[in-house]
């Protein structure tokens, strides 16, 4: 019996998988390794926020925001029946997501529960942001999205560049002198970076509403994993990106919905105080939403050093960038806006000690208020039923005072 050659099959498989990659590998203006070129070539559902708005009976408009370092971001303004008029007196509120999240996650709980929808229903001019390289903002004016240079950023740049450009766009379009900034998780760390390194932005905010702010995370339960995680760049030298979920993943979840729901529920909910499994069906099409490995490495540095400071590049590079061998801590005393903290006592990522440490540093803030929630863990603040029952009522009450 003649043995059938597998060579044609191998060539066919190679052709299928290399077709979207080859143009990226051989572009003259960038260099992409095969792994990242392949992952970057997978199709993304960039319209998830629009889809949820339509599904939930709301409307929105997207705006193109370009940062000073060339990243192209997608910013949404949302409403229910009529968009705010040009001379509207509605107070502008900007929501900034956390790591691996996107604007779609502010809508995950649905009408009557999601904070973004609740704010719209109460008459606020609501905007939801996207950080660089997230599902909706996977673009740069010059850099290839599969290149190492594109992913060379941490949450410092998200605060210093992304938040700054986004705030400016909201104020320009809303024609308001100030806005309120609501942040979750990494968005909290980015907000503190912006207000401490670019203090002029304190004058552009009415307040900072921080939910489970990812800043001083040295006491996080995950500090036990910091050592092994610190070795990741040495083991996977080419893995510099955590890519967004793609249509291949979405289709797999739709075929195996029960299994996918169980996996997502365990990862996102953990010991949640009240996450409904039905929310998972709204998550797997947009979560995770993309991030850089450098974001993770920066948090590992905070854990190890117990310092809320910029990225540590080593003595020589630090001297060039910061004028010192060790990065100086962020000058939180330059923050002057009122700050309201909402945090969970069951949160294993952003623990109470870290939030209290940050609060104590805000010596020049016009007002600092703290609100602890006994049973809430990290993802509850954006995905849990407990959020709309407990947290959001408090957030809105403090905003409306």
Protein backbone atom coordinates (compact mmCIF):
# COMPACT_ATOMS: atom_id res chain seq x y z
CA UNK A 1 0.00 0.00 0.00
CA UNK A 2 1.43 3.34 -1.02
CA UNK A 3 2.08 5.74 1.82
CA UNK A 4 0.26 9.03 1.39
CA UNK A 5 2.52 12.04 1.59
CA UNK A 6 1.55 14.72 4.12
CA UNK A 7 3.75 17.34 2.44
CA UNK A 8 0.92 18.92 0.38
CA UNK A 9 -1.22 19.14 3.50
CA UNK A 10 1.56 20.85 5.42
CA UNK A 11 2.05 23.33 2.60
CA UNK A 12 -1.69 24.05 2.59
CA UNK A 13 -1.79 24.66 6.33
CA UNK A 14 1.29 26.87 6.12
CA UNK A 15 -0.26 28.87 3.31
CA UNK A 16 -3.49 29.43 5.23
CA UNK A 17 -1.78 30.62 8.39
CA UNK A 18 0.98 32.61 6.73
CA UNK A 19 -1.23 34.53 4.35
CA UNK A 20 -2.20 37.31 6.81
CA UNK A 21 1.23 37.28 8.44
CA UNK A 22 3.64 37.57 5.53
CA UNK A 23 2.74 41.18 4.62
CA UNK A 24 3.42 42.16 8.23
CA UNK A 25 6.74 40.36 8.48
CA UNK A 26 8.14 41.98 5.37
CA UNK A 27 6.91 45.53 5.76
CA UNK A 28 9.77 48.00 5.39
CA UNK A 29 8.56 50.29 8.17
CA UNK A 30 8.37 47.73 11.01
CA UNK A 31 9.60 44.36 12.21
CA UNK A 32 7.21 41.77 13.62
CA UNK A 33 8.11 38.29 14.80
CA UNK A 34 5.90 35.42 13.56
CA UNK A 35 4.09 34.78 16.86
CA UNK A 36 2.94 38.36 17.34
CA UNK A 37 2.22 38.79 13.65
CA UNK A 38 -0.07 35.75 13.76
CA UNK A 39 -1.88 36.81 16.93
CA UNK A 40 -2.30 40.33 15.60
CA UNK A 41 -3.77 39.02 12.35
CA UNK A 42 -6.72 37.30 14.05
CA UNK A 43 -9.99 39.22 13.44
CA UNK A 44 -11.33 41.37 16.29
CA UNK A 45 -14.85 42.52 17.03
CA UNK A 46 -14.09 46.23 17.32
CA UNK A 47 -17.77 47.18 17.41
CA UNK A 48 -18.71 45.48 20.68
CA UNK A 49 -19.51 48.76 22.47
CA UNK A 50 -21.78 49.82 19.59
CA UNK A 51 -23.49 46.42 19.63
CA UNK A 52 -24.24 46.58 23.35
CA UNK A 53 -25.59 50.13 23.07
CA UNK A 54 -27.97 49.04 20.30
CA UNK A 55 -28.97 45.88 22.14
CA UNK A 56 -29.73 47.86 25.30
CA UNK A 57 -31.71 50.63 23.62
CA UNK A 58 -29.08 53.37 23.94
CA UNK A 59 -27.18 55.36 21.35
CA UNK A 60 -23.66 56.63 20.98
CA UNK A 61 -21.12 58.36 18.85
CA UNK A 62 -17.43 57.58 18.64
CA UNK A 63 -14.62 60.13 18.44
CA UNK A 64 -11.05 59.68 17.24
CA UNK A 65 -8.46 60.73 19.83
CA UNK A 66 -4.77 60.89 18.94
CA UNK A 67 -2.25 60.98 21.78
CA UNK A 68 0.94 63.04 21.78
CA UNK A 69 2.93 59.84 21.13
CA UNK A 70 0.79 58.74 18.19
CA UNK A 71 -1.71 56.18 19.57
CA UNK A 72 -5.21 56.38 18.10
CA UNK A 73 -7.96 55.93 20.68
CA UNK A 74 -11.70 55.49 20.38
CA UNK A 75 -13.86 57.56 22.71
CA UNK A 76 -17.63 57.11 23.05
CA UNK A 77 -20.31 59.62 24.01
CA UNK A 78 -23.53 57.81 24.91
CA UNK A 79 -27.15 58.83 25.45
CA UNK A 80 -30.63 57.35 25.40
CA UNK A 81 -33.02 59.39 23.25
CA UNK A 82 -31.33 62.62 22.20
CA UNK A 83 -27.61 63.55 22.21
CA UNK A 84 -26.64 66.47 24.45
CA UNK A 85 -27.02 69.79 22.66
CA UNK A 86 -24.08 72.07 21.89
CA UNK A 87 -25.01 74.45 24.70
CA UNK A 88 -26.03 71.75 27.15
CA UNK A 89 -25.53 72.33 30.87
CA UNK A 90 -25.34 68.59 31.56
CA UNK A 91 -22.27 67.74 33.64
CA UNK A 92 -19.72 65.72 31.68
CA UNK A 93 -18.52 62.45 33.21
CA UNK A 94 -15.69 60.33 31.78
CA UNK A 95 -15.29 56.65 32.69
CA UNK A 96 -11.88 54.97 32.35
CA UNK A 97 -11.56 51.17 32.46
CA UNK A 98 -8.95 48.87 33.99
CA UNK A 99 -6.30 46.54 32.59
CA UNK A 100 -7.55 44.10 29.93
CA UNK A 101 -10.88 45.98 29.91
CA UNK A 102 -12.43 48.34 27.37
CA UNK A 103 -15.37 50.71 27.01
CA UNK A 104 -17.66 47.69 26.49
CA UNK A 105 -17.13 46.52 30.07
CA UNK A 106 -18.83 49.65 31.46
CA UNK A 107 -21.99 48.31 29.78
CA UNK A 108 -21.67 44.67 30.83
CA UNK A 109 -24.31 44.71 33.57
CA UNK A 110 -26.92 46.10 31.19
CA UNK A 111 -29.65 48.74 31.55
CA UNK A 112 -30.56 49.78 35.08
CA UNK A 113 -27.38 48.23 36.47
CA UNK A 114 -24.29 49.42 34.56
CA UNK A 115 -22.88 52.63 35.97
CA UNK A 116 -22.66 54.26 32.52
CA UNK A 117 -26.36 53.65 31.88
CA UNK A 118 -27.37 54.82 35.35
CA UNK A 119 -25.51 58.08 34.82
CA UNK A 120 -27.16 58.60 31.41
CA UNK A 121 -30.59 57.96 32.93
CA UNK A 122 -29.91 60.59 35.59
CA UNK A 123 -29.17 63.24 32.99
CA UNK A 124 -25.37 63.33 32.86
CA UNK A 125 -23.32 63.76 29.67
CA UNK A 126 -21.55 60.38 29.72
CA UNK A 127 -18.31 59.47 27.92
CA UNK A 128 -16.51 56.11 28.04
CA UNK A 129 -12.82 55.88 27.18
CA UNK A 130 -10.51 53.27 25.68
CA UNK A 131 -6.82 53.05 26.47
CA UNK A 132 -4.16 52.31 23.86
CA UNK A 133 -4.16 48.87 22.24
CA UNK A 134 -7.48 47.88 23.81
CA UNK A 135 -10.12 46.25 21.64
CA UNK A 136 -11.38 49.58 20.28
CA UNK A 137 -8.04 51.43 20.12
CA UNK A 138 -5.72 48.96 18.40
CA UNK A 139 -4.07 51.55 16.17
CA UNK A 140 -1.09 53.91 15.87
CA UNK A 141 -0.31 56.65 13.35
CA UNK A 142 3.09 55.16 12.49
CA UNK A 143 3.80 51.91 14.36
CA UNK A 144 2.66 48.44 13.29
CA UNK A 145 0.38 46.92 15.89
CA UNK A 146 2.37 43.66 15.95
CA UNK A 147 5.70 45.41 16.54
CA UNK A 148 7.51 45.49 19.86
CA UNK A 149 7.63 49.28 19.68
CA UNK A 150 3.82 49.50 19.61
CA UNK A 151 3.56 47.56 22.89
CA UNK A 152 6.37 49.45 24.63
CA UNK A 153 4.24 51.21 27.24
CA UNK A 154 2.87 50.73 30.74
CA UNK A 155 0.04 52.31 32.71
CA UNK A 156 2.29 55.35 33.13
CA UNK A 157 1.80 56.22 29.45
CA UNK A 158 -1.92 55.45 29.70
CA UNK A 159 -2.19 58.11 32.39
CA UNK A 160 0.28 60.63 31.00
CA UNK A 161 -0.86 60.47 27.36
CA UNK A 162 -4.16 58.60 26.94
CA UNK A 163 -6.11 60.16 29.78
CA UNK A 164 -4.78 63.62 29.03
CA UNK A 165 -5.78 63.46 25.34
CA UNK A 166 -9.16 61.93 26.17
CA UNK A 167 -10.00 64.57 28.79
CA UNK A 168 -9.10 67.32 26.34
CA UNK A 169 -11.35 65.81 23.67
CA UNK A 170 -14.31 65.52 26.07
CA UNK A 171 -13.95 69.14 27.20
CA UNK A 172 -13.61 70.31 23.60
CA UNK A 173 -16.73 68.50 22.38
CA UNK A 174 -18.88 69.07 25.47
CA UNK A 175 -17.82 72.71 25.75
CA UNK A 176 -17.62 72.29 29.51
CA UNK A 177 -14.82 73.78 31.65
CA UNK A 178 -14.47 70.62 33.79
CA UNK A 179 -15.52 67.00 33.96
CA UNK A 180 -15.74 64.28 36.58
CA UNK A 181 -13.42 61.32 36.10
CA UNK A 182 -14.55 57.87 37.24
CA UNK A 183 -11.84 55.21 37.17
CA UNK A 184 -11.64 51.49 37.88
CA UNK A 185 -8.58 49.36 38.71
CA UNK A 186 -5.65 50.28 36.44
CA UNK A 187 -7.59 53.37 35.42
CA UNK A 188 -7.14 54.52 39.02
CA UNK A 189 -3.37 54.19 38.83
CA UNK A 190 -3.39 56.01 35.48
CA UNK A 191 -5.51 58.81 36.94
CA UNK A 192 -3.08 59.32 39.82
CA UNK A 193 -0.18 59.35 37.35
CA UNK A 194 -1.83 62.06 35.26
CA UNK A 195 -2.79 64.36 38.14
CA UNK A 196 0.60 64.06 39.85
CA UNK A 197 2.85 64.37 36.78
CA UNK A 198 0.71 66.88 34.88
CA UNK A 199 -0.87 68.88 37.72
CA UNK A 200 -2.53 71.32 35.31
CA UNK A 201 -5.13 68.61 34.73
CA UNK A 202 -6.35 69.07 38.31
CA UNK A 203 -7.98 72.26 37.02
CA UNK A 204 -9.88 70.27 34.39
CA UNK A 205 -11.58 67.91 36.87
CA UNK A 206 -14.40 68.44 39.35
CA UNK A 207 -13.43 65.25 41.19
CA UNK A 208 -11.79 61.85 40.86
CA UNK A 209 -14.06 58.91 41.69
CA UNK A 210 -11.78 55.87 42.13
CA UNK A 211 -13.16 52.34 42.38
CA UNK A 212 -10.65 49.67 43.46
CA UNK A 213 -7.79 51.90 42.23
CA UNK A 214 -4.77 49.91 41.02
CA UNK A 215 -1.90 51.98 42.41
CA UNK A 216 -0.03 50.80 45.52
CA UNK A 217 -0.57 47.06 45.14
CA UNK A 218 2.35 45.81 47.24
CA UNK A 219 0.08 43.95 49.65
CA UNK A 220 -1.92 42.20 46.96
CA UNK A 221 -2.43 38.46 47.35
CA UNK A 222 -0.74 38.10 43.93
CA UNK A 223 2.58 39.21 45.39
CA UNK A 224 3.27 35.50 45.80
CA UNK A 225 3.20 35.17 42.01
CA UNK A 226 5.35 38.24 41.38
CA UNK A 227 8.59 36.25 41.42
CA UNK A 228 7.58 33.70 38.77
CA UNK A 229 5.88 36.40 36.70
CA UNK A 230 9.04 38.48 36.78
CA UNK A 231 10.75 35.64 34.87
CA UNK A 232 8.21 35.68 32.04
CA UNK A 233 10.03 38.21 29.85
CA UNK A 234 13.17 36.07 30.08
CA UNK A 235 11.32 32.90 29.09
CA UNK A 236 9.02 34.37 26.43
CA UNK A 237 11.17 37.13 25.01
CA UNK A 238 8.92 37.68 22.02
CA UNK A 239 5.67 37.75 24.02
CA UNK A 240 5.39 41.48 24.67
CA UNK A 241 1.62 41.72 24.24
CA UNK A 242 -1.53 40.33 25.83
CA UNK A 243 -3.80 40.33 22.81
CA UNK A 244 -7.52 41.05 22.69
CA UNK A 245 -10.06 38.28 22.44
CA UNK A 246 -10.73 37.50 18.79
CA UNK A 247 -13.50 36.10 16.64
CA UNK A 248 -11.99 32.62 16.78
CA UNK A 249 -12.40 32.65 20.57
CA UNK A 250 -15.90 34.11 20.33
CA UNK A 251 -17.04 31.43 17.88
CA UNK A 252 -15.57 28.72 20.10
CA UNK A 253 -17.46 30.09 23.09
CA UNK A 254 -20.70 30.19 21.13
CA UNK A 255 -20.28 26.52 20.19
CA UNK A 256 -19.35 25.50 23.76
CA UNK A 257 -21.33 28.09 25.70
CA UNK A 258 -21.66 26.15 28.96
CA UNK A 259 -17.96 25.30 29.19
CA UNK A 260 -16.96 28.82 28.19
CA UNK A 261 -19.35 30.37 30.72
CA UNK A 262 -17.89 28.22 33.49
CA UNK A 263 -14.33 29.19 32.62
CA UNK A 264 -15.08 32.91 32.36
CA UNK A 265 -17.13 32.85 35.53
CA UNK A 266 -14.31 31.30 37.55
CA UNK A 267 -11.70 33.69 36.16
CA UNK A 268 -13.72 36.89 36.45
CA UNK A 269 -15.92 36.19 39.46
CA UNK A 270 -13.66 34.17 41.73
CA UNK A 271 -15.13 34.69 45.20
CA UNK A 272 -17.55 37.31 43.90
CA UNK A 273 -20.14 38.70 46.25
CA UNK A 274 -22.79 38.75 43.57
CA UNK A 275 -21.87 38.23 39.95
CA UNK A 276 -24.67 36.86 37.80
CA UNK A 277 -23.63 34.17 35.32
CA UNK A 278 -25.77 35.81 32.65
CA UNK A 279 -23.23 38.65 32.54
CA UNK A 280 -20.66 36.23 31.13
CA UNK A 281 -22.57 36.08 27.84
CA UNK A 282 -21.88 39.80 27.47
CA UNK A 283 -18.20 39.46 28.42
CA UNK A 284 -16.59 36.81 26.29
CA UNK A 285 -16.91 38.87 23.10
CA UNK A 286 -14.83 41.72 24.51
CA UNK A 287 -12.81 40.40 27.46
CA UNK A 288 -9.81 40.37 27.61
CA UNK A 289 -9.43 43.56 25.61
CA UNK A 290 -5.64 43.69 25.22
CA UNK A 291 -2.70 45.01 27.24
CA UNK A 292 1.09 45.09 27.15
CA UNK A 293 3.37 42.82 29.14
CA UNK A 294 5.06 46.01 30.31
CA UNK A 295 1.88 46.97 32.18
CA UNK A 296 2.16 43.73 34.14
CA UNK A 297 5.90 44.18 34.68
CA UNK A 298 5.33 47.69 36.02
CA UNK A 299 2.89 46.36 38.62
CA UNK A 300 5.39 43.65 39.55
CA UNK A 301 7.93 46.40 40.23
CA UNK A 302 5.45 48.16 42.53
CA UNK A 303 4.91 44.89 44.40
CA UNK A 304 8.63 44.21 44.85
CA UNK A 305 9.78 47.75 45.65
CA UNK A 306 6.70 48.82 47.65
CA UNK A 307 6.94 52.15 45.83
CA UNK A 308 4.36 53.80 43.58
CA UNK A 309 6.84 55.03 41.00
CA UNK A 310 7.47 55.14 37.23
CA UNK A 311 8.90 52.16 35.36
CA UNK A 312 12.38 51.06 36.45
CA UNK A 313 14.65 50.65 33.42
CA UNK A 314 17.86 50.05 35.34
CA UNK A 315 20.40 52.52 36.73
CA UNK A 316 21.85 53.79 33.47
CA UNK A 317 18.53 54.41 31.70
CA UNK A 318 16.96 55.74 34.90
CA UNK A 319 19.68 58.40 35.13
CA UNK A 320 18.85 59.52 31.59
CA UNK A 321 15.09 59.63 32.18
CA UNK A 322 14.72 60.61 35.83
CA UNK A 323 18.11 61.98 36.87
CA UNK A 324 18.43 59.31 39.56
CA UNK A 325 19.36 55.63 39.74
CA UNK A 326 15.94 54.76 41.13
CA UNK A 327 12.71 56.20 39.69
CA UNK A 328 11.30 58.90 42.01
CA UNK A 329 7.91 58.17 43.54
CA UNK A 330 4.94 59.86 41.95
CA UNK A 331 4.38 63.25 43.68
CA UNK A 332 0.86 62.57 44.91
CA UNK A 333 0.98 65.75 46.97
CA UNK A 334 0.48 67.65 43.69
CA UNK A 335 -3.07 66.30 43.41
CA UNK A 336 -5.55 68.97 44.48
CA UNK A 337 -8.95 67.71 43.21
CA UNK A 338 -11.43 66.06 45.59
CA UNK A 339 -10.90 62.29 45.55
CA UNK A 340 -13.45 59.65 46.54
CA UNK A 341 -12.23 56.08 47.05
CA UNK A 342 -14.47 53.00 46.85
CA UNK A 343 -12.72 49.73 47.69
CA UNK A 344 -13.49 46.16 48.73
CA UNK A 345 -12.25 44.51 51.89
CA UNK A 346 -12.33 41.13 50.10
CA UNK A 347 -10.30 42.46 47.15
CA UNK A 348 -7.18 40.34 46.63
CA UNK A 349 -5.78 42.62 43.92
CA UNK A 350 -6.25 46.13 45.33
CA UNK A 351 -6.30 45.71 49.10
CA UNK A 352 -7.47 48.23 51.68
CA UNK A 353 -3.93 48.92 52.95
CA UNK A 354 -2.83 50.11 49.51
CA UNK A 355 -5.84 52.39 49.07
CA UNK A 356 -5.35 53.88 52.53
CA UNK A 357 -1.66 54.46 51.75
CA UNK A 358 -2.58 56.45 48.63
CA UNK A 359 -5.22 58.44 50.50
CA UNK A 360 -2.68 59.44 53.16
CA UNK A 361 -0.39 60.85 50.44
CA UNK A 362 -3.06 63.20 49.08
CA UNK A 363 -2.26 65.93 51.58
CA UNK A 364 -3.24 68.76 49.23
CA UNK A 365 -6.46 67.28 47.90
CA UNK A 366 -9.48 69.50 48.51
CA UNK A 367 -11.19 66.49 50.11
CA UNK A 368 -10.51 62.76 50.43
CA UNK A 369 -13.35 60.39 51.27
CA UNK A 370 -13.17 56.64 51.80
CA UNK A 371 -15.90 54.03 51.41
CA UNK A 372 -15.11 50.39 52.16
CA UNK A 373 -17.37 47.48 51.18
CA UNK A 374 -17.09 44.36 53.33
CA UNK A 375 -17.66 41.51 50.87
CA UNK A 376 -16.65 43.01 47.53
CA UNK A 377 -13.71 41.65 45.58
CA UNK A 378 -12.04 43.30 42.61
CA UNK A 379 -14.26 42.46 39.63
CA UNK A 380 -17.43 43.11 41.63
CA UNK A 381 -16.94 46.84 41.08
CA UNK A 382 -17.65 46.52 37.38
CA UNK A 383 -19.20 43.08 36.80
CA UNK A 384 -21.00 42.22 40.04
CA UNK A 385 -24.67 42.70 40.92
CA UNK A 386 -23.41 44.05 44.24
CA UNK A 387 -21.91 47.01 42.38
CA UNK A 388 -25.20 48.46 41.23
CA UNK A 389 -26.88 47.69 44.53
CA UNK A 390 -24.15 49.14 46.75
CA UNK A 391 -21.31 50.97 45.02
CA UNK A 392 -23.00 52.90 42.22
CA UNK A 393 -25.65 54.38 44.49
CA UNK A 394 -22.86 55.77 46.65
CA UNK A 395 -20.83 57.01 43.68
CA UNK A 396 -23.83 58.85 42.25
CA UNK A 397 -24.86 60.23 45.65
CA UNK A 398 -21.40 61.74 46.20
CA UNK A 399 -21.34 63.15 42.66
CA UNK A 400 -24.73 64.83 43.11
CA UNK A 401 -23.95 66.38 46.50
